[in-house]
Amino acid sequence: MNAHLQPTGSAYFLTQETQQTERHTLSVLVDNEPGILARVVGLFSARGYNIESLTVSETEHGRRLSRITVVVIATPKTLVQIKLQLERLVPVHRVHDLTAEGNYVERELALIKVKGTGDHRAETLRLADAFRAHIIDATVESFVFEVTGKPDKIDSFIALMTPLGLVEVVRTGLAAIGRGAEGM
């Protein structure tokens, strides 16, 4: 008997699969038509897949094409299922797993509101400068910063702003594109 098959006292037993989950960024090129986003999100929710980040925008106006960038955390087996199911949707032209392809850049934008008075105000501005955050609104009591970068950078900035008076955060979700001269 195989070492990984352990009888459970029943005539029927299965091996337990213990695959590690991985974070993957998928880029999906679709026709820009009503309902496509709902269909893509419905595909995930109907099967119990979680979406970590989702962005969508028209990218080729003349051809009426949009790019959906989806970040998922899944096992390799589940990831294969997700990609196959996405490819079967009629208005989907291409599905690229940017993580698996390896050579890509990703960025996210966040708007971060922080209270800032007295000593906290000076410290808030010093840290914002270190993170290359742009001040897009300022009052005598608060700031709104625009921070762009990898999600880890934004998470770090938010963590530093929390004890200084973090009020609110709005994030765009991840945008990603392959490197090099080739398009999608």
C-alpha atoms as a PDB file:
ATOM      1  CA  MET A   1       0.000   0.000   0.000  1.00  0.00           C
ATOM      2  CA  ASN A   2       1.225   3.538  -0.724  1.00  0.00           C
ATOM      3  CA  ALA A   3       2.545   5.397   2.290  1.00  0.00           C
ATOM      4  CA  HIS A   4       0.302   8.396   1.621  1.00  0.00           C
ATOM      5  CA  LEU A   5      -2.896   6.303   1.563  1.00  0.00           C
ATOM      6  CA  GLN A   6      -4.152   5.678   5.043  1.00  0.00           C
ATOM      7  CA  PRO A   7      -7.292   3.557   5.525  1.00  0.00           C
ATOM      8  CA  THR A   8      -9.840   5.237   7.771  1.00  0.00           C
ATOM      9  CA  GLY A   9     -11.801   2.144   8.759  1.00  0.00           C
ATOM     10  CA  SER A  10     -14.114   2.667   5.799  1.00  0.00           C
ATOM     11  CA  ALA A  11     -14.013   0.835   2.494  1.00  0.00           C
ATOM     12  CA  TYR A  12     -13.681   4.242   0.874  1.00  0.00           C
ATOM     13  CA  PHE A  13     -10.774   6.549   1.582  1.00  0.00           C
ATOM     14  CA  LEU A  14      -9.021   9.251  -0.353  1.00  0.00           C
ATOM     15  CA  THR A  15      -5.650  10.852  -0.154  1.00  0.00           C
ATOM     16  CA  GLN A  16      -5.607  14.305   1.309  1.00  0.00           C
ATOM     17  CA  GLU A  17      -4.107  16.823  -1.023  1.00  0.00           C
ATOM     18  CA  THR A  18      -1.985  19.393   0.735  1.00  0.00           C
ATOM     19  CA  GLN A  19      -1.029  21.931  -1.881  1.00  0.00           C
ATOM     20  CA  GLN A  20       0.244  25.320  -0.804  1.00  0.00           C
ATOM     21  CA  THR A  21      -1.738  28.342  -1.858  1.00  0.00           C
ATOM     22  CA  GLU A  22      -0.012  30.917  -4.034  1.00  0.00           C
ATOM     23  CA  ARG A  23      -0.796  34.511  -4.961  1.00  0.00           C
ATOM     24  CA  HIS A  24      -1.250  34.934  -8.723  1.00  0.00           C
ATOM     25  CA  THR A  25      -2.002  37.972 -10.867  1.00  0.00           C
ATOM     26  CA  LEU A  26      -4.153  37.191 -13.900  1.00  0.00           C
ATOM     27  CA  SER A  27      -4.608  39.567 -16.821  1.00  0.00           C
ATOM     28  CA  VAL A  28      -7.789  38.934 -18.801  1.00  0.00           C
ATOM     29  CA  LEU A  29      -8.519  40.655 -22.128  1.00  0.00           C
ATOM     30  CA  VAL A  30     -12.277  40.889 -22.783  1.00  0.00           C
ATOM     31  CA  ASP A  31     -14.783  42.630 -25.022  1.00  0.00           C
ATOM     32  CA  ASN A  32     -15.971  45.816 -23.359  1.00  0.00           C
ATOM     33  CA  GLU A  33     -19.653  44.967 -23.170  1.00  0.00           C
ATOM     34  CA  PRO A  34     -22.353  45.253 -20.519  1.00  0.00           C
ATOM     35  CA  GLY A  35     -22.336  42.423 -17.992  1.00  0.00           C
ATOM     36  CA  ILE A  36     -18.844  41.021 -18.626  1.00  0.00           C
ATOM     37  CA  LEU A  37     -17.513  42.058 -15.229  1.00  0.00           C
ATOM     38  CA  ALA A  38     -20.542  40.481 -13.537  1.00  0.00           C
ATOM     39  CA  ARG A  39     -19.947  37.253 -15.474  1.00  0.00           C
ATOM     40  CA  VAL A  40     -16.272  37.107 -14.470  1.00  0.00           C
ATOM     41  CA  VAL A  41     -17.020  37.856 -10.819  1.00  0.00           C
ATOM     42  CA  GLY A  42     -19.926  35.379 -10.937  1.00  0.00           C
ATOM     43  CA  LEU A  43     -17.559  32.680 -12.160  1.00  0.00           C
ATOM     44  CA  PHE A  44     -15.407  33.217  -9.055  1.00  0.00           C
ATOM     45  CA  SER A  45     -18.225  33.492  -6.533  1.00  0.00           C
ATOM     46  CA  ALA A  46     -20.212  30.527  -7.894  1.00  0.00           C
ATOM     47  CA  ARG A  47     -17.219  28.270  -7.304  1.00  0.00           C
ATOM     48  CA  GLY A  48     -16.186  29.747  -3.962  1.00  0.00           C
ATOM     49  CA  TYR A  49     -12.982  31.357  -5.238  1.00  0.00           C
ATOM     50  CA  ASN A  50     -11.903  34.523  -3.456  1.00  0.00           C
ATOM     51  CA  ILE A  51     -10.740  37.610  -5.340  1.00  0.00           C
ATOM     52  CA  GLU A  52      -8.003  39.507  -3.492  1.00  0.00           C
ATOM     53  CA  SER A  53      -7.945  42.435  -5.929  1.00  0.00           C
ATOM     54  CA  LEU A  54      -9.880  43.366  -9.046  1.00  0.00           C
ATOM     55  CA  THR A  55      -9.414  46.224 -11.501  1.00  0.00           C
ATOM     56  CA  VAL A  56     -10.975  46.760 -14.904  1.00  0.00           C
ATOM     57  CA  SER A  57     -10.765  49.441 -17.553  1.00  0.00           C
ATOM     58  CA  GLU A  58     -11.090  49.837 -21.280  1.00  0.00           C
ATOM     59  CA  THR A  59      -7.585  49.611 -22.736  1.00  0.00           C
ATOM     60  CA  GLU A  60      -8.160  49.543 -26.483  1.00  0.00           C
ATOM     61  CA  HIS A  61     -10.944  52.010 -27.228  1.00  0.00           C
ATOM     62  CA  GLY A  62     -10.962  51.483 -31.001  1.00  0.00           C
ATOM     63  CA  ARG A  63     -11.419  47.722 -30.598  1.00  0.00           C
ATOM     64  CA  ARG A  64     -13.676  48.063 -27.514  1.00  0.00           C
ATOM     65  CA  LEU A  65     -11.447  45.821 -25.407  1.00  0.00           C
ATOM     66  CA  SER A  66     -10.999  45.962 -21.640  1.00  0.00           C
ATOM     67  CA  ARG A  67      -8.391  44.434 -19.389  1.00  0.00           C
ATOM     68  CA  ILE A  68      -9.412  42.848 -16.116  1.00  0.00           C
ATOM     69  CA  THR A  69      -6.616  42.335 -13.612  1.00  0.00           C
ATOM     70  CA  VAL A  70      -7.517  39.755 -10.963  1.00  0.00           C
ATOM     71  CA  VAL A  71      -5.368  38.752  -8.006  1.00  0.00           C
ATOM     72  CA  VAL A  72      -6.249  35.384  -6.499  1.00  0.00           C
ATOM     73  CA  ILE A  73      -4.771  33.179  -3.813  1.00  0.00           C
ATOM     74  CA  ALA A  74      -5.255  29.561  -4.796  1.00  0.00           C
ATOM     75  CA  THR A  75      -3.625  26.167  -4.986  1.00  0.00           C
ATOM     76  CA  PRO A  76      -1.990  25.312  -8.332  1.00  0.00           C
ATOM     77  CA  LYS A  77      -4.834  22.902  -9.081  1.00  0.00           C
ATOM     78  CA  THR A  78      -7.499  25.533  -8.404  1.00  0.00           C
ATOM     79  CA  LEU A  79      -5.564  28.098 -10.431  1.00  0.00           C
ATOM     80  CA  VAL A  80      -5.637  25.822 -13.491  1.00  0.00           C
ATOM     81  CA  GLN A  81      -9.428  25.493 -13.073  1.00  0.00           C
ATOM     82  CA  ILE A  82      -9.846  29.271 -12.774  1.00  0.00           C
ATOM     83  CA  LYS A  83      -7.849  29.931 -15.956  1.00  0.00           C
ATOM     84  CA  LEU A  84      -9.701  27.250 -17.937  1.00  0.00           C
ATOM     85  CA  GLN A  85     -13.088  28.546 -16.826  1.00  0.00           C
ATOM     86  CA  LEU A  86     -12.145  32.142 -17.662  1.00  0.00           C
ATOM     87  CA  GLU A  87     -10.958  31.097 -21.135  1.00  0.00           C
ATOM     88  CA  ARG A  88     -14.359  29.459 -21.798  1.00  0.00           C
ATOM     89  CA  LEU A  89     -16.319  32.681 -21.282  1.00  0.00           C
ATOM     90  CA  VAL A  90     -17.383  33.920 -24.732  1.00  0.00           C
ATOM     91  CA  PRO A  91     -16.189  37.559 -24.595  1.00  0.00           C
ATOM     92  CA  VAL A  92     -12.780  36.557 -23.144  1.00  0.00           C
ATOM     93  CA  HIS A  93      -9.991  36.847 -25.726  1.00  0.00           C
ATOM     94  CA  ARG A  94      -6.945  35.925 -23.636  1.00  0.00           C
ATOM     95  CA  VAL A  95      -5.981  34.951 -20.096  1.00  0.00           C
ATOM     96  CA  HIS A  96      -2.389  35.481 -18.955  1.00  0.00           C
ATOM     97  CA  ASP A  97      -1.033  34.341 -15.618  1.00  0.00           C
ATOM     98  CA  LEU A  98       1.491  37.142 -15.156  1.00  0.00           C
ATOM     99  CA  THR A  99       2.899  35.514 -12.029  1.00  0.00           C
ATOM    100  CA  ALA A 100       3.670  32.261 -13.859  1.00  0.00           C
ATOM    101  CA  GLU A 101       5.064  34.133 -16.879  1.00  0.00           C
ATOM    102  CA  GLY A 102       7.321  35.938 -14.426  1.00  0.00           C
ATOM    103  CA  ASN A 103       8.369  39.158 -16.093  1.00  0.00           C
ATOM    104  CA  TYR A 104       5.836  41.851 -15.158  1.00  0.00           C
ATOM    105  CA  VAL A 105       5.374  45.031 -13.140  1.00  0.00           C
ATOM    106  CA  GLU A 106       2.536  45.753 -10.761  1.00  0.00           C
ATOM    107  CA  ARG A 107       1.355  48.903  -9.029  1.00  0.00           C
ATOM    108  CA  GLU A 108      -1.509  50.049  -6.873  1.00  0.00           C
ATOM    109  CA  LEU A 109      -2.727  53.515  -5.957  1.00  0.00           C
ATOM    110  CA  ALA A 110      -4.131  54.480  -2.560  1.00  0.00           C
ATOM    111  CA  LEU A 111      -5.681  57.645  -1.195  1.00  0.00           C
ATOM    112  CA  ILE A 112      -4.947  57.879   2.519  1.00  0.00           C
ATOM    113  CA  LYS A 113      -6.507  60.427   4.884  1.00  0.00           C
ATOM    114  CA  VAL A 114      -4.588  61.212   8.078  1.00  0.00           C
ATOM    115  CA  LYS A 115      -5.331  63.650  10.904  1.00  0.00           C
ATOM    116  CA  GLY A 116      -2.346  65.856  11.456  1.00  0.00           C
ATOM    117  CA  THR A 117      -1.821  68.442  14.177  1.00  0.00           C
ATOM    118  CA  GLY A 118       1.158  69.425  16.313  1.00  0.00           C
ATOM    119  CA  ASP A 119       4.099  67.015  16.445  1.00  0.00           C
ATOM    120  CA  HIS A 120       2.097  64.340  14.619  1.00  0.00           C
ATOM    121  CA  ARG A 121       1.737  66.721  11.674  1.00  0.00           C
ATOM    122  CA  ALA A 122       5.493  67.068  11.221  1.00  0.00           C
ATOM    123  CA  GLU A 123       6.065  63.309  11.606  1.00  0.00           C
ATOM    124  CA  THR A 124       3.264  62.561   9.145  1.00  0.00           C
ATOM    125  CA  LEU A 125       4.856  64.846   6.540  1.00  0.00           C
ATOM    126  CA  ARG A 126       8.335  63.384   7.136  1.00  0.00           C
ATOM    127  CA  LEU A 127       7.095  59.819   6.603  1.00  0.00           C
ATOM    128  CA  ALA A 128       5.033  60.841   3.567  1.00  0.00           C
ATOM    129  CA  ASP A 129       8.172  62.325   2.018  1.00  0.00           C
ATOM    130  CA  ALA A 130      10.128  59.119   2.707  1.00  0.00           C
ATOM    131  CA  PHE A 131       7.419  57.114   0.904  1.00  0.00           C
ATOM    132  CA  ARG A 132       7.191  59.657  -1.936  1.00  0.00           C
ATOM    133  CA  ALA A 133       3.536  60.199  -1.116  1.00  0.00           C
ATOM    134  CA  HIS A 134       1.921  63.190  -2.805  1.00  0.00           C
ATOM    135  CA  ILE A 135      -0.232  65.566  -0.782  1.00  0.00           C
ATOM    136  CA  ILE A 136      -3.415  65.976  -2.814  1.00  0.00           C
ATOM    137  CA  ASP A 137      -5.455  67.745  -0.132  1.00  0.00           C
ATOM    138  CA  ALA A 138      -4.464  69.540   3.054  1.00  0.00           C
ATOM    139  CA  THR A 139      -6.346  71.327   5.802  1.00  0.00           C
ATOM    140  CA  VAL A 140      -5.110  72.622   9.143  1.00  0.00           C
ATOM    141  CA  GLU A 141      -6.279  69.330  10.683  1.00  0.00           C
ATOM    142  CA  SER A 142      -5.663  66.659   8.046  1.00  0.00           C
ATOM    143  CA  PHE A 143      -3.967  65.470   4.867  1.00  0.00           C
ATOM    144  CA  VAL A 144      -4.975  63.254   1.982  1.00  0.00           C
ATOM    145  CA  PHE A 145      -1.986  61.474   0.475  1.00  0.00           C
ATOM    146  CA  GLU A 146      -1.686  59.666  -2.838  1.00  0.00           C
ATOM    147  CA  VAL A 147       0.660  56.691  -2.596  1.00  0.00           C
ATOM    148  CA  THR A 148       1.563  54.567  -5.608  1.00  0.00           C
ATOM    149  CA  GLY A 149       3.627  51.397  -5.566  1.00  0.00           C
ATOM    150  CA  LYS A 150       3.603  47.732  -4.778  1.00  0.00           C
ATOM    151  CA  PRO A 151       0.945  46.615  -2.288  1.00  0.00           C
ATOM    152  CA  ASP A 152       3.609  45.975   0.388  1.00  0.00           C
ATOM    153  CA  LYS A 153       4.751  49.610   0.190  1.00  0.00           C
ATOM    154  CA  ILE A 154       1.184  50.843   0.626  1.00  0.00           C
ATOM    155  CA  ASP A 155       0.597  48.419   3.520  1.00  0.00           C
ATOM    156  CA  SER A 156       3.750  49.732   5.229  1.00  0.00           C
ATOM    157  CA  PHE A 157       2.698  53.365   4.790  1.00  0.00           C
ATOM    158  CA  ILE A 158      -0.753  52.612   6.209  1.00  0.00           C
ATOM    159  CA  ALA A 159       0.806  50.822   9.200  1.00  0.00           C
ATOM    160  CA  LEU A 160       2.988  53.860   9.943  1.00  0.00           C
ATOM    161  CA  MET A 161       0.065  56.285   9.601  1.00  0.00           C
ATOM    162  CA  THR A 162      -2.212  54.308  11.931  1.00  0.00           C
ATOM    163  CA  PRO A 163      -0.724  55.567  15.226  1.00  0.00           C
ATOM    164  CA  LEU A 164      -0.393  59.088  13.793  1.00  0.00           C
ATOM    165  CA  GLY A 165      -4.120  59.448  13.101  1.00  0.00           C
ATOM    166  CA  LEU A 166      -5.166  57.339  10.111  1.00  0.00           C
ATOM    167  CA  VAL A 167      -8.763  58.214   9.230  1.00  0.00           C
ATOM    168  CA  GLU A 168      -9.572  56.458   5.973  1.00  0.00           C
ATOM    169  CA  VAL A 169      -8.040  54.471   3.100  1.00  0.00           C
ATOM    170  CA  VAL A 170      -9.243  53.930  -0.477  1.00  0.00           C
ATOM    171  CA  ARG A 171      -7.286  51.559  -2.738  1.00  0.00           C
ATOM    172  CA  THR A 172      -7.608  51.018  -6.471  1.00  0.00           C
ATOM    173  CA  GLY A 173      -6.575  47.396  -6.597  1.00  0.00           C
ATOM    174  CA  LEU A 174      -3.629  46.071  -8.525  1.00  0.00           C
ATOM    175  CA  ALA A 175      -2.758  47.062 -12.084  1.00  0.00           C
ATOM    176  CA  ALA A 176      -0.185  44.850 -13.790  1.00  0.00           C
ATOM    177  CA  ILE A 177       1.451  44.557 -17.202  1.00  0.00           C
ATOM    178  CA  GLY A 178       4.059  42.266 -18.742  1.00  0.00           C
ATOM    179  CA  ARG A 179       7.526  43.677 -19.400  1.00  0.00           C
ATOM    180  CA  GLY A 180       9.150  43.834 -22.813  1.00  0.00           C
ATOM    181  CA  ALA A 181       8.081  44.773 -26.317  1.00  0.00           C
ATOM    182  CA  GLU A 182       5.303  42.171 -26.681  1.00  0.00           C
ATOM    183  CA  GLY A 183       1.691  43.054 -25.934  1.00  0.00           C
ATOM    184  CA  MET A 184      -0.987  40.861 -24.515  1.00  0.00           C
END
